[in-house]
């Protein structure tokens, strides 16, 4: 039994899984969004948000810790220079997972994981009350007269 063991194994050995997460997080931070399976998206969300938090700290130790996960120096520089300052005021929730449907080849549920650009503000639709026709007494009498005839 796997009591108190967090995380999904995804049918891979530990070294393969960690390498896959590193590659996927590097791609996510480089491109802003990637398409993958639901389970992988939920797992790389943890790693990606940890990297953005390190980027927000901004010191040398954080940069070295991020570079130990993100294997491209250009992506580490992008994280600390552009991505992390964008989320300076945000306390968490830097990524969004959108379910796309089922992959045709193996029926795996597929999702899009992307960096959150800004708050989604629901558009305020103008709610106009439906105007009911007010019937005058003359029109009511005319309708009643037609009904009597």
C-alpha atoms as a PDB file:
ATOM      1  CA  UNK A   1       0.000   0.000   0.000  1.00  0.00           C
ATOM      2  CA  UNK A   2       1.166   3.507  -0.807  1.00  0.00           C
ATOM      3  CA  UNK A   3      -0.064   5.355   2.248  1.00  0.00           C
ATOM      4  CA  UNK A   4       1.292   8.914   2.640  1.00  0.00           C
ATOM      5  CA  UNK A   5       3.249   8.792  -0.620  1.00  0.00           C
ATOM      6  CA  UNK A   6       2.401  11.858  -2.646  1.00  0.00           C
ATOM      7  CA  UNK A   7       2.749  12.166  -6.401  1.00  0.00           C
ATOM      8  CA  UNK A   8       1.982   9.985  -9.364  1.00  0.00           C
ATOM      9  CA  UNK A   9       4.465   7.426 -10.644  1.00  0.00           C
ATOM     10  CA  UNK A  10       3.157   7.538 -14.216  1.00  0.00           C
ATOM     11  CA  UNK A  11       4.577   4.085 -14.959  1.00  0.00           C
ATOM     12  CA  UNK A  12       8.180   5.306 -15.057  1.00  0.00           C
ATOM     13  CA  UNK A  13      11.319   4.891 -13.018  1.00  0.00           C
ATOM     14  CA  UNK A  14      12.236   7.806 -10.749  1.00  0.00           C
ATOM     15  CA  UNK A  15      15.095   9.098 -12.897  1.00  0.00           C
ATOM     16  CA  UNK A  16      12.984   8.974 -16.067  1.00  0.00           C
ATOM     17  CA  UNK A  17      10.074  10.716 -14.366  1.00  0.00           C
ATOM     18  CA  UNK A  18      12.263  13.506 -12.946  1.00  0.00           C
ATOM     19  CA  UNK A  19      13.941  14.062 -16.313  1.00  0.00           C
ATOM     20  CA  UNK A  20      10.548  14.200 -18.018  1.00  0.00           C
ATOM     21  CA  UNK A  21       9.278  16.772 -15.506  1.00  0.00           C
ATOM     22  CA  UNK A  22      12.408  18.885 -16.014  1.00  0.00           C
ATOM     23  CA  UNK A  23      11.956  18.840 -19.781  1.00  0.00           C
ATOM     24  CA  UNK A  24       8.255  19.650 -19.566  1.00  0.00           C
ATOM     25  CA  UNK A  25       8.727  22.502 -17.084  1.00  0.00           C
ATOM     26  CA  UNK A  26      11.495  23.946 -19.255  1.00  0.00           C
ATOM     27  CA  UNK A  27       9.162  23.850 -22.261  1.00  0.00           C
ATOM     28  CA  UNK A  28       6.288  25.335 -20.253  1.00  0.00           C
ATOM     29  CA  UNK A  29       8.365  28.274 -19.062  1.00  0.00           C
ATOM     30  CA  UNK A  30       9.865  28.776 -22.512  1.00  0.00           C
ATOM     31  CA  UNK A  31       6.646  28.662 -24.549  1.00  0.00           C
ATOM     32  CA  UNK A  32       4.040  29.652 -21.958  1.00  0.00           C
ATOM     33  CA  UNK A  33       1.814  26.631 -22.561  1.00  0.00           C
ATOM     34  CA  UNK A  34       2.065  22.959 -23.479  1.00  0.00           C
ATOM     35  CA  UNK A  35      -0.388  20.160 -24.219  1.00  0.00           C
ATOM     36  CA  UNK A  36      -0.051  16.920 -22.275  1.00  0.00           C
ATOM     37  CA  UNK A  37      -2.109  14.340 -20.409  1.00  0.00           C
ATOM     38  CA  UNK A  38      -4.117  15.328 -17.348  1.00  0.00           C
ATOM     39  CA  UNK A  39      -1.952  13.393 -14.895  1.00  0.00           C
ATOM     40  CA  UNK A  40       1.305  14.839 -16.222  1.00  0.00           C
ATOM     41  CA  UNK A  41      -0.157  18.358 -16.235  1.00  0.00           C
ATOM     42  CA  UNK A  42      -1.188  18.051 -12.599  1.00  0.00           C
ATOM     43  CA  UNK A  43       2.276  16.838 -11.644  1.00  0.00           C
ATOM     44  CA  UNK A  44       4.302  19.438 -13.544  1.00  0.00           C
ATOM     45  CA  UNK A  45       2.108  22.189 -12.120  1.00  0.00           C
ATOM     46  CA  UNK A  46       3.794  21.573  -8.746  1.00  0.00           C
ATOM     47  CA  UNK A  47       7.292  21.864 -10.196  1.00  0.00           C
ATOM     48  CA  UNK A  48       6.478  24.890 -12.368  1.00  0.00           C
ATOM     49  CA  UNK A  49       4.938  26.860  -9.515  1.00  0.00           C
ATOM     50  CA  UNK A  50       7.942  26.081  -7.326  1.00  0.00           C
ATOM     51  CA  UNK A  51      10.245  27.459 -10.051  1.00  0.00           C
ATOM     52  CA  UNK A  52       8.224  30.669 -10.341  1.00  0.00           C
ATOM     53  CA  UNK A  53       8.350  31.086  -6.563  1.00  0.00           C
ATOM     54  CA  UNK A  54      12.138  30.715  -6.716  1.00  0.00           C
ATOM     55  CA  UNK A  55      12.180  33.332  -9.462  1.00  0.00           C
ATOM     56  CA  UNK A  56      10.220  35.723  -7.268  1.00  0.00           C
ATOM     57  CA  UNK A  57      12.841  35.423  -4.523  1.00  0.00           C
ATOM     58  CA  UNK A  58      15.448  36.482  -7.046  1.00  0.00           C
ATOM     59  CA  UNK A  59      18.679  35.790  -5.111  1.00  0.00           C
ATOM     60  CA  UNK A  60      21.677  33.804  -6.294  1.00  0.00           C
ATOM     61  CA  UNK A  61      20.786  30.698  -4.308  1.00  0.00           C
ATOM     62  CA  UNK A  62      17.295  30.638  -5.857  1.00  0.00           C
ATOM     63  CA  UNK A  63      18.793  31.020  -9.307  1.00  0.00           C
ATOM     64  CA  UNK A  64      21.096  28.058  -8.733  1.00  0.00           C
ATOM     65  CA  UNK A  65      18.250  25.932  -7.372  1.00  0.00           C
ATOM     66  CA  UNK A  66      16.132  26.773 -10.418  1.00  0.00           C
ATOM     67  CA  UNK A  67      19.064  25.991 -12.723  1.00  0.00           C
ATOM     68  CA  UNK A  68      19.317  22.544 -11.161  1.00  0.00           C
ATOM     69  CA  UNK A  69      15.820  21.776 -12.464  1.00  0.00           C
ATOM     70  CA  UNK A  70      15.627  23.920 -15.609  1.00  0.00           C
ATOM     71  CA  UNK A  71      18.350  22.722 -17.947  1.00  0.00           C
ATOM     72  CA  UNK A  72      18.519  25.719 -20.323  1.00  0.00           C
ATOM     73  CA  UNK A  73      20.277  28.868 -19.164  1.00  0.00           C
ATOM     74  CA  UNK A  74      18.166  31.046 -21.432  1.00  0.00           C
ATOM     75  CA  UNK A  75      14.965  29.771 -19.807  1.00  0.00           C
ATOM     76  CA  UNK A  76      16.396  30.393 -16.321  1.00  0.00           C
ATOM     77  CA  UNK A  77      17.251  33.947 -17.366  1.00  0.00           C
ATOM     78  CA  UNK A  78      13.752  34.397 -18.806  1.00  0.00           C
ATOM     79  CA  UNK A  79      12.231  33.077 -15.564  1.00  0.00           C
ATOM     80  CA  UNK A  80      14.093  35.571 -13.394  1.00  0.00           C
ATOM     81  CA  UNK A  81      13.860  38.557 -15.754  1.00  0.00           C
ATOM     82  CA  UNK A  82      10.345  38.400 -17.232  1.00  0.00           C
ATOM     83  CA  UNK A  83       8.174  35.610 -15.829  1.00  0.00           C
ATOM     84  CA  UNK A  84       8.703  36.032 -12.073  1.00  0.00           C
ATOM     85  CA  UNK A  85       8.252  39.851 -11.992  1.00  0.00           C
ATOM     86  CA  UNK A  86       4.910  39.405 -13.757  1.00  0.00           C
ATOM     87  CA  UNK A  87       3.626  37.475 -10.701  1.00  0.00           C
ATOM     88  CA  UNK A  88       5.161  39.782  -8.074  1.00  0.00           C
ATOM     89  CA  UNK A  89       1.825  40.540  -6.402  1.00  0.00           C
ATOM     90  CA  UNK A  90       0.346  37.073  -6.857  1.00  0.00           C
ATOM     91  CA  UNK A  91       0.596  34.612  -3.966  1.00  0.00           C
ATOM     92  CA  UNK A  92       0.271  31.431  -5.983  1.00  0.00           C
ATOM     93  CA  UNK A  93      -1.692  29.780  -8.745  1.00  0.00           C
ATOM     94  CA  UNK A  94       0.608  30.747 -11.598  1.00  0.00           C
ATOM     95  CA  UNK A  95      -0.626  28.008 -13.928  1.00  0.00           C
ATOM     96  CA  UNK A  96      -3.974  27.008 -15.345  1.00  0.00           C
ATOM     97  CA  UNK A  97      -5.022  23.549 -16.559  1.00  0.00           C
ATOM     98  CA  UNK A  98      -7.703  23.411 -19.244  1.00  0.00           C
ATOM     99  CA  UNK A  99      -9.091  20.005 -20.164  1.00  0.00           C
ATOM    100  CA  UNK A 100      -9.173  19.507 -23.932  1.00  0.00           C
ATOM    101  CA  UNK A 101     -10.807  16.110 -24.292  1.00  0.00           C
ATOM    102  CA  UNK A 102      -9.731  12.616 -25.214  1.00  0.00           C
ATOM    103  CA  UNK A 103      -6.727  11.747 -27.391  1.00  0.00           C
ATOM    104  CA  UNK A 104      -7.822   9.598 -30.301  1.00  0.00           C
ATOM    105  CA  UNK A 105      -4.896   7.167 -30.339  1.00  0.00           C
ATOM    106  CA  UNK A 106      -5.070   5.814 -26.792  1.00  0.00           C
ATOM    107  CA  UNK A 107      -8.133   7.523 -25.289  1.00  0.00           C
ATOM    108  CA  UNK A 108      -5.973   9.420 -22.774  1.00  0.00           C
ATOM    109  CA  UNK A 109      -7.485  12.590 -21.302  1.00  0.00           C
ATOM    110  CA  UNK A 110      -5.512  15.554 -22.669  1.00  0.00           C
ATOM    111  CA  UNK A 111      -5.068  18.972 -21.063  1.00  0.00           C
ATOM    112  CA  UNK A 112      -3.473  22.302 -21.843  1.00  0.00           C
ATOM    113  CA  UNK A 113      -1.324  23.713 -19.049  1.00  0.00           C
ATOM    114  CA  UNK A 114      -0.467  27.383 -19.394  1.00  0.00           C
ATOM    115  CA  UNK A 115       0.905  30.255 -17.405  1.00  0.00           C
ATOM    116  CA  UNK A 116      -1.775  32.585 -16.132  1.00  0.00           C
ATOM    117  CA  UNK A 117      -1.419  35.950 -17.831  1.00  0.00           C
ATOM    118  CA  UNK A 118      -3.909  37.967 -15.876  1.00  0.00           C
ATOM    119  CA  UNK A 119      -7.066  37.638 -13.845  1.00  0.00           C
ATOM    120  CA  UNK A 120     -10.026  36.402 -15.812  1.00  0.00           C
ATOM    121  CA  UNK A 121     -12.711  38.971 -15.227  1.00  0.00           C
ATOM    122  CA  UNK A 122     -16.207  37.871 -16.133  1.00  0.00           C
ATOM    123  CA  UNK A 123     -17.739  40.272 -18.581  1.00  0.00           C
ATOM    124  CA  UNK A 124     -20.590  42.213 -17.108  1.00  0.00           C
ATOM    125  CA  UNK A 125     -23.433  41.584 -19.468  1.00  0.00           C
ATOM    126  CA  UNK A 126     -26.056  44.259 -19.514  1.00  0.00           C
ATOM    127  CA  UNK A 127     -29.151  42.835 -17.945  1.00  0.00           C
ATOM    128  CA  UNK A 128     -32.110  44.713 -19.298  1.00  0.00           C
ATOM    129  CA  UNK A 129     -35.497  43.831 -17.951  1.00  0.00           C
ATOM    130  CA  UNK A 130     -37.935  42.563 -20.520  1.00  0.00           C
ATOM    131  CA  UNK A 131     -40.485  45.227 -21.204  1.00  0.00           C
ATOM    132  CA  UNK A 132     -43.969  43.842 -21.069  1.00  0.00           C
ATOM    133  CA  UNK A 133     -46.545  45.387 -23.268  1.00  0.00           C
ATOM    134  CA  UNK A 134     -48.915  47.407 -21.215  1.00  0.00           C
ATOM    135  CA  UNK A 135     -52.344  46.967 -22.592  1.00  0.00           C
ATOM    136  CA  UNK A 136     -54.571  49.948 -22.381  1.00  0.00           C
ATOM    137  CA  UNK A 137     -58.192  49.614 -21.492  1.00  0.00           C
ATOM    138  CA  UNK A 138     -59.117  50.458 -25.082  1.00  0.00           C
ATOM    139  CA  UNK A 139     -57.112  47.532 -26.441  1.00  0.00           C
ATOM    140  CA  UNK A 140     -58.535  45.237 -23.789  1.00  0.00           C
ATOM    141  CA  UNK A 141     -62.043  46.339 -24.717  1.00  0.00           C
ATOM    142  CA  UNK A 142     -61.274  45.815 -28.383  1.00  0.00           C
ATOM    143  CA  UNK A 143     -60.031  42.298 -27.706  1.00  0.00           C
ATOM    144  CA  UNK A 144     -63.051  41.598 -25.500  1.00  0.00           C
ATOM    145  CA  UNK A 145     -65.350  42.984 -28.200  1.00  0.00           C
ATOM    146  CA  UNK A 146     -63.782  40.713 -30.776  1.00  0.00           C
ATOM    147  CA  UNK A 147     -64.216  37.765 -28.470  1.00  0.00           C
ATOM    148  CA  UNK A 148     -67.905  38.569 -27.904  1.00  0.00           C
ATOM    149  CA  UNK A 149     -68.655  38.924 -31.578  1.00  0.00           C
END
